Amino acid sequence: MKIQALMDEKLVFFNLSVANQSELFETMSHSLHQYDIIVDADAFINALNQREQLSTTGLGYGIAIPHAKSDTVRQPTLAVAKLSTPIDYASIDKDKVTVVFMIAMPKGKEDLYLQTLSMLTRKMTDRAFIKSLKLTQNKVEFMEILKTI
């Protein structure tokens, strides 16, 4: 499986301006709702927050992978954002987050969910990849780097 199969350019945000994790979840979830990926943005935000209570999805090095399985999700999707300003995220290394990979998965798709999460977390061990994501100057560059996942 290619991660790109879960991504749509309209759900890749470059220089997304949010003040905190809560606003990040709201903004990205409402976009997922706008494009009919999820039925109920509030229910999905709740699922993200419940998952976050188990342990942080801030991996370190400025990367976060918030993720949730929910009945409100219509189709497996990966939304991605490069933030205009780093935000506090309670990351493992205490660094602020600048790049976010949000996985929205319908319940019943556990294999795809785990496979997607595994592929992303493995790729996030590649420091050169992370650096190149952070150094992108525009959405076209950002998308090109994302295609290498």
C-alpha atoms as a PDB file:
ATOM      1  CA  MET A   1       0.000   0.000   0.000  1.00  0.00           C
ATOM      2  CA  LYS A   2       1.128   3.519  -0.791  1.00  0.00           C
ATOM      3  CA  ILE A   3       0.371   6.243   1.718  1.00  0.00           C
ATOM      4  CA  GLN A   4      -0.437   8.512  -1.228  1.00  0.00           C
ATOM      5  CA  ALA A   5      -3.576   6.451  -1.829  1.00  0.00           C
ATOM      6  CA  LEU A   6      -4.973   7.910   1.411  1.00  0.00           C
ATOM      7  CA  MET A   7      -3.997  11.515   0.632  1.00  0.00           C
ATOM      8  CA  ASP A   8      -5.809  14.145  -1.387  1.00  0.00           C
ATOM      9  CA  GLU A   9      -4.143  17.441  -2.236  1.00  0.00           C
ATOM     10  CA  LYS A  10      -7.139  19.390  -0.905  1.00  0.00           C
ATOM     11  CA  LEU A  11      -6.367  17.910   2.525  1.00  0.00           C
ATOM     12  CA  VAL A  12      -2.705  18.901   2.487  1.00  0.00           C
ATOM     13  CA  PHE A  13      -2.327  22.229   4.247  1.00  0.00           C
ATOM     14  CA  PHE A  14       0.748  24.395   3.868  1.00  0.00           C
ATOM     15  CA  ASN A  15       1.406  27.188   6.390  1.00  0.00           C
ATOM     16  CA  LEU A  16      -1.699  26.285   8.372  1.00  0.00           C
ATOM     17  CA  SER A  17      -2.172  28.850  11.110  1.00  0.00           C
ATOM     18  CA  VAL A  18      -3.412  27.424  14.421  1.00  0.00           C
ATOM     19  CA  ALA A  19      -2.672  28.489  17.985  1.00  0.00           C
ATOM     20  CA  ASN A  20      -2.726  25.125  19.733  1.00  0.00           C
ATOM     21  CA  GLN A  21      -3.534  21.428  19.506  1.00  0.00           C
ATOM     22  CA  SER A  22      -7.230  21.985  20.096  1.00  0.00           C
ATOM     23  CA  GLU A  23      -7.485  24.476  17.236  1.00  0.00           C
ATOM     24  CA  LEU A  24      -5.437  22.133  15.046  1.00  0.00           C
ATOM     25  CA  PHE A  25      -7.870  19.255  15.646  1.00  0.00           C
ATOM     26  CA  GLU A  26     -10.863  21.544  15.011  1.00  0.00           C
ATOM     27  CA  THR A  27      -9.476  23.051  11.805  1.00  0.00           C
ATOM     28  CA  MET A  28      -8.374  19.787  10.238  1.00  0.00           C
ATOM     29  CA  SER A  29     -11.503  17.901  11.349  1.00  0.00           C
ATOM     30  CA  HIS A  30     -13.800  20.556   9.918  1.00  0.00           C
ATOM     31  CA  SER A  31     -11.911  20.302   6.619  1.00  0.00           C
ATOM     32  CA  LEU A  32     -12.408  16.533   6.664  1.00  0.00           C
ATOM     33  CA  HIS A  33     -16.112  17.172   7.218  1.00  0.00           C
ATOM     34  CA  GLN A  34     -16.250  19.801   4.468  1.00  0.00           C
ATOM     35  CA  TYR A  35     -14.907  17.251   1.975  1.00  0.00           C
ATOM     36  CA  ASP A  36     -17.321  14.559   3.199  1.00  0.00           C
ATOM     37  CA  ILE A  37     -14.573  12.343   4.668  1.00  0.00           C
ATOM     38  CA  ILE A  38     -16.264  12.389   8.063  1.00  0.00           C
ATOM     39  CA  VAL A  39     -19.922  12.732   8.988  1.00  0.00           C
ATOM     40  CA  ASP A  40     -19.505  14.567  12.296  1.00  0.00           C
ATOM     41  CA  ALA A  41     -16.480  16.789  13.002  1.00  0.00           C
ATOM     42  CA  ASP A  42     -17.203  17.048  16.728  1.00  0.00           C
ATOM     43  CA  ALA A  43     -17.402  13.264  17.123  1.00  0.00           C
ATOM     44  CA  PHE A  44     -14.087  12.884  15.283  1.00  0.00           C
ATOM     45  CA  ILE A  45     -12.442  15.574  17.425  1.00  0.00           C
ATOM     46  CA  ASN A  46     -13.677  13.685  20.473  1.00  0.00           C
ATOM     47  CA  ALA A  47     -12.132  10.454  19.108  1.00  0.00           C
ATOM     48  CA  LEU A  48      -8.811  12.261  18.524  1.00  0.00           C
ATOM     49  CA  ASN A  49      -8.846  13.654  22.061  1.00  0.00           C
ATOM     50  CA  GLN A  50      -9.675  10.240  23.547  1.00  0.00           C
ATOM     51  CA  ARG A  51      -6.726   8.726  21.689  1.00  0.00           C
ATOM     52  CA  GLU A  52      -4.498  11.583  22.847  1.00  0.00           C
ATOM     53  CA  GLN A  53      -5.428  10.830  26.479  1.00  0.00           C
ATOM     54  CA  LEU A  54      -3.892   7.363  26.134  1.00  0.00           C
ATOM     55  CA  SER A  55      -0.516   8.860  25.180  1.00  0.00           C
ATOM     56  CA  THR A  56       0.726  11.744  23.127  1.00  0.00           C
ATOM     57  CA  THR A  57       0.862  11.407  19.363  1.00  0.00           C
ATOM     58  CA  GLY A  58       3.660  13.981  19.292  1.00  0.00           C
ATOM     59  CA  LEU A  59       6.548  11.788  18.158  1.00  0.00           C
ATOM     60  CA  GLY A  60       9.275  14.364  18.594  1.00  0.00           C
ATOM     61  CA  TYR A  61      11.427  16.292  16.131  1.00  0.00           C
ATOM     62  CA  GLY A  62       8.433  18.553  15.444  1.00  0.00           C
ATOM     63  CA  ILE A  63       6.220  15.737  14.123  1.00  0.00           C
ATOM     64  CA  ALA A  64       2.776  14.637  15.331  1.00  0.00           C
ATOM     65  CA  ILE A  65       0.570  11.839  14.048  1.00  0.00           C
ATOM     66  CA  PRO A  66      -2.859  12.286  15.645  1.00  0.00           C
ATOM     67  CA  HIS A  67      -5.067   9.380  14.676  1.00  0.00           C
ATOM     68  CA  ALA A  68      -8.441   7.886  15.428  1.00  0.00           C
ATOM     69  CA  LYS A  69     -10.790   5.134  14.321  1.00  0.00           C
ATOM     70  CA  SER A  70     -14.390   6.266  14.391  1.00  0.00           C
ATOM     71  CA  ASP A  71     -17.818   5.410  13.028  1.00  0.00           C
ATOM     72  CA  THR A  72     -18.017   8.987  11.790  1.00  0.00           C
ATOM     73  CA  VAL A  73     -15.242   8.375   9.226  1.00  0.00           C
ATOM     74  CA  ARG A  74     -16.568   7.481   5.757  1.00  0.00           C
ATOM     75  CA  GLN A  75     -13.262   6.662   4.067  1.00  0.00           C
ATOM     76  CA  PRO A  76      -9.672   6.077   5.191  1.00  0.00           C
ATOM     77  CA  THR A  77      -7.822   9.379   4.846  1.00  0.00           C
ATOM     78  CA  LEU A  78      -4.538  10.998   5.694  1.00  0.00           C
ATOM     79  CA  ALA A  79      -4.623  14.782   6.076  1.00  0.00           C
ATOM     80  CA  VAL A  80      -1.262  16.537   6.338  1.00  0.00           C
ATOM     81  CA  ALA A  81      -0.289  20.000   7.535  1.00  0.00           C
ATOM     82  CA  LYS A  82       2.821  22.095   7.766  1.00  0.00           C
ATOM     83  CA  LEU A  83       2.098  24.719  10.387  1.00  0.00           C
ATOM     84  CA  SER A  84       3.010  28.361   9.904  1.00  0.00           C
ATOM     85  CA  THR A  85       4.094  28.562  13.548  1.00  0.00           C
ATOM     86  CA  PRO A  86       5.103  25.633  15.776  1.00  0.00           C
ATOM     87  CA  ILE A  87       2.613  24.731  18.519  1.00  0.00           C
ATOM     88  CA  ASP A  88       2.907  23.087  21.923  1.00  0.00           C
ATOM     89  CA  TYR A  89       1.784  19.483  21.669  1.00  0.00           C
ATOM     90  CA  ALA A  90       3.081  17.610  24.739  1.00  0.00           C
ATOM     91  CA  SER A  91       5.473  15.764  22.436  1.00  0.00           C
ATOM     92  CA  ILE A  92       7.762  13.059  23.757  1.00  0.00           C
ATOM     93  CA  ASP A  93      10.816  15.322  23.368  1.00  0.00           C
ATOM     94  CA  LYS A  94       8.931  18.489  24.431  1.00  0.00           C
ATOM     95  CA  ASP A  95       9.650  20.103  21.020  1.00  0.00           C
ATOM     96  CA  LYS A  96       6.876  22.116  19.426  1.00  0.00           C
ATOM     97  CA  VAL A  97       5.131  20.546  16.439  1.00  0.00           C
ATOM     98  CA  THR A  98       5.439  21.904  12.904  1.00  0.00           C
ATOM     99  CA  VAL A  99       4.306  18.959  10.732  1.00  0.00           C
ATOM    100  CA  VAL A 100       1.123  16.966  11.344  1.00  0.00           C
ATOM    101  CA  PHE A 101      -0.089  13.722   9.758  1.00  0.00           C
ATOM    102  CA  MET A 102      -3.731  13.136  10.789  1.00  0.00           C
ATOM    103  CA  ILE A 103      -5.123   9.656  10.166  1.00  0.00           C
ATOM    104  CA  ALA A 104      -8.917   9.322   9.932  1.00  0.00           C
ATOM    105  CA  MET A 105      -9.957   5.681   9.771  1.00  0.00           C
ATOM    106  CA  PRO A 106     -13.379   4.019   9.821  1.00  0.00           C
ATOM    107  CA  LYS A 107     -13.914   1.379  12.487  1.00  0.00           C
ATOM    108  CA  GLY A 108     -13.408  -2.070  11.047  1.00  0.00           C
ATOM    109  CA  LYS A 109     -10.295  -1.079   9.081  1.00  0.00           C
ATOM    110  CA  GLU A 110      -7.829  -2.057  11.815  1.00  0.00           C
ATOM    111  CA  ASP A 111      -5.291  -3.645   9.433  1.00  0.00           C
ATOM    112  CA  LEU A 112      -5.129  -0.554   7.225  1.00  0.00           C
ATOM    113  CA  TYR A 113      -5.049   1.662  10.306  1.00  0.00           C
ATOM    114  CA  LEU A 114      -2.067  -0.178  11.807  1.00  0.00           C
ATOM    115  CA  GLN A 115      -0.290  -0.433   8.463  1.00  0.00           C
ATOM    116  CA  THR A 116      -0.664   3.317   7.848  1.00  0.00           C
ATOM    117  CA  LEU A 117       0.485   4.208  11.340  1.00  0.00           C
ATOM    118  CA  SER A 118       3.441   1.841  11.063  1.00  0.00           C
ATOM    119  CA  MET A 119       4.556   3.188   7.680  1.00  0.00           C
ATOM    120  CA  LEU A 120       4.379   6.775   8.904  1.00  0.00           C
ATOM    121  CA  THR A 121       6.207   6.181  12.168  1.00  0.00           C
ATOM    122  CA  ARG A 122       8.942   4.268  10.346  1.00  0.00           C
ATOM    123  CA  LYS A 123       9.385   7.139   7.877  1.00  0.00           C
ATOM    124  CA  MET A 124       9.608   9.603  10.769  1.00  0.00           C
ATOM    125  CA  THR A 125      12.856   7.960  11.886  1.00  0.00           C
ATOM    126  CA  ASP A 126      14.442   9.366   8.706  1.00  0.00           C
ATOM    127  CA  ARG A 127      15.895  12.678   9.927  1.00  0.00           C
ATOM    128  CA  ALA A 128      16.734  13.792   6.362  1.00  0.00           C
ATOM    129  CA  PHE A 129      13.075  13.319   5.387  1.00  0.00           C
ATOM    130  CA  ILE A 130      11.887  15.349   8.392  1.00  0.00           C
ATOM    131  CA  LYS A 131      14.385  18.108   7.665  1.00  0.00           C
ATOM    132  CA  SER A 132      13.315  18.310   4.035  1.00  0.00           C
ATOM    133  CA  LEU A 133       9.633  18.560   5.051  1.00  0.00           C
ATOM    134  CA  LYS A 134      10.399  21.395   7.439  1.00  0.00           C
ATOM    135  CA  LEU A 135      12.482  23.297   4.876  1.00  0.00           C
ATOM    136  CA  THR A 136       9.849  23.328   2.130  1.00  0.00           C
ATOM    137  CA  GLN A 137       8.953  26.785   0.896  1.00  0.00           C
ATOM    138  CA  ASN A 138       5.634  26.062  -0.789  1.00  0.00           C
ATOM    139  CA  LYS A 139       2.890  23.470  -1.157  1.00  0.00           C
ATOM    140  CA  VAL A 140       4.328  22.049  -4.399  1.00  0.00           C
ATOM    141  CA  GLU A 141       7.654  21.224  -2.684  1.00  0.00           C
ATOM    142  CA  PHE A 142       5.790  19.869   0.329  1.00  0.00           C
ATOM    143  CA  MET A 143       3.656  17.572  -1.869  1.00  0.00           C
ATOM    144  CA  GLU A 144       6.708  16.299  -3.754  1.00  0.00           C
ATOM    145  CA  ILE A 145       8.381  15.239  -0.530  1.00  0.00           C
ATOM    146  CA  LEU A 146       5.183  13.617   0.737  1.00  0.00           C
ATOM    147  CA  LYS A 147       5.107  11.464  -2.408  1.00  0.00           C
ATOM    148  CA  THR A 148       8.273   9.713  -1.210  1.00  0.00           C
ATOM    149  CA  ILE A 149       6.481   8.053   1.703  1.00  0.00           C
END
